[in-house]
Protein backbone atom coordinates (compact mmCIF):
# COMPACT_ATOMS: atom_id res chain seq x y z
CA MET A 1 70.67 91.19 -18.62
CA THR A 2 70.19 94.33 -16.75
CA GLY A 3 67.41 94.56 -14.33
CA PHE A 4 66.98 90.88 -13.90
CA LYS A 5 65.40 89.67 -10.66
CA MET A 6 65.76 86.86 -9.09
CA ASP A 7 63.82 85.07 -6.23
CA PRO A 8 66.58 85.39 -2.99
CA ALA A 9 65.92 81.94 -2.07
CA GLU A 10 66.63 80.40 -5.63
CA LYS A 11 69.08 82.54 -5.43
CA GLN A 12 71.13 80.78 -2.71
CA GLN A 13 69.93 77.52 -3.28
CA ILE A 14 71.87 78.08 -6.77
CA LEU A 15 74.71 79.48 -4.99
CA ARG A 16 74.61 76.06 -3.07
CA GLU A 17 74.16 73.78 -5.86
CA ILE A 18 77.48 76.07 -7.47
CA GLN A 19 79.48 75.60 -4.20
CA GLN A 20 78.47 71.67 -4.21
CA PHE A 21 79.87 71.02 -7.79
CA VAL A 22 82.87 73.20 -7.88
CA TRP A 23 83.66 71.14 -4.23
CA GLU A 24 82.86 67.18 -6.23
CA GLN A 25 84.51 68.39 -9.69
CA THR A 26 88.03 69.60 -7.99
CA GLY A 27 88.29 69.36 -4.42
CA GLU A 28 88.05 72.88 -3.60
CA GLU A 29 85.64 74.35 -1.10
CA ILE A 30 84.72 77.65 -2.62
CA GLY A 31 83.89 80.59 -0.07
CA VAL A 32 80.65 83.11 -0.46
CA ILE A 33 82.60 85.97 -2.00
CA ALA A 34 84.35 83.30 -4.59
CA THR A 35 80.82 82.05 -5.47
CA GLN A 36 79.15 85.13 -6.26
CA VAL A 37 81.73 85.90 -8.66
CA TYR A 38 80.96 82.98 -10.21
CA PHE A 39 77.33 83.18 -10.57
CA ASP A 40 77.49 86.78 -11.83
CA PHE A 41 80.05 85.60 -14.48
CA PHE A 42 77.82 83.09 -15.81
CA GLN A 43 75.08 85.27 -15.45
CA GLU A 44 76.46 88.16 -17.02
CA LYS A 45 77.57 85.29 -20.00
CA LEU A 46 74.22 82.57 -20.55
CA ALA A 47 71.26 84.35 -19.23
CA ALA A 48 70.82 86.81 -22.66
CA HIS A 49 71.58 83.42 -24.98
CA HIS A 50 68.92 81.26 -22.74
CA TYR A 51 66.48 84.41 -22.63
CA ASN A 52 66.89 84.80 -26.20
CA LYS A 53 66.26 81.34 -26.93
CA GLY A 54 62.99 80.91 -24.93
CA ILE A 55 61.90 84.28 -26.76
CA GLU A 56 62.73 82.39 -30.08
CA ASP A 57 61.28 79.41 -29.18
CA ALA A 58 57.44 81.22 -27.88
CA LYS A 59 57.62 83.05 -31.03
CA LYS A 60 57.77 79.73 -33.11
CA ILE A 61 54.77 78.31 -30.21
CA TRP A 62 52.87 81.42 -31.12
CA GLU A 63 53.72 81.41 -34.89
CA GLY A 64 52.09 77.74 -35.35
CA GLN A 65 49.31 78.54 -33.12
CA ASN A 66 48.89 81.46 -35.27
CA ALA A 67 48.72 79.65 -38.62
CA ARG A 68 46.38 76.98 -37.51
CA LEU A 69 44.00 80.09 -36.35
CA GLU A 70 44.25 81.58 -39.53
CA GLU A 71 43.11 78.15 -41.21
CA GLU A 72 39.79 77.10 -38.89
CA TRP A 73 38.96 81.30 -39.56
CA TYR A 74 39.24 80.53 -43.69
CA ALA A 75 37.52 76.43 -42.56
CA LEU A 76 34.21 78.74 -41.21
CA GLU A 77 33.86 80.94 -44.51
CA ILE A 78 30.64 79.61 -46.57
CA PRO A 79 31.33 79.85 -50.01
CA VAL A 80 29.78 81.84 -52.11
CA LYS A 81 27.51 80.56 -55.25
């Protein structure tokens, strides 16, 4: 995703978590540059998928709420005799 901005403090926390994860999984200590490379790779590969899934989920919620609202509108109608 282009133009994606992240809070610097949140990014630093994620970078620390990546370093910790790699250490726990491999016993390898990675530096700042390697950690940033991992972060950039996964952000590039996953961010758009997660974003699109969030949009899809929000759309489904909106459609459900819109359908309920439409039902409520019809319930307000007074039958014409």
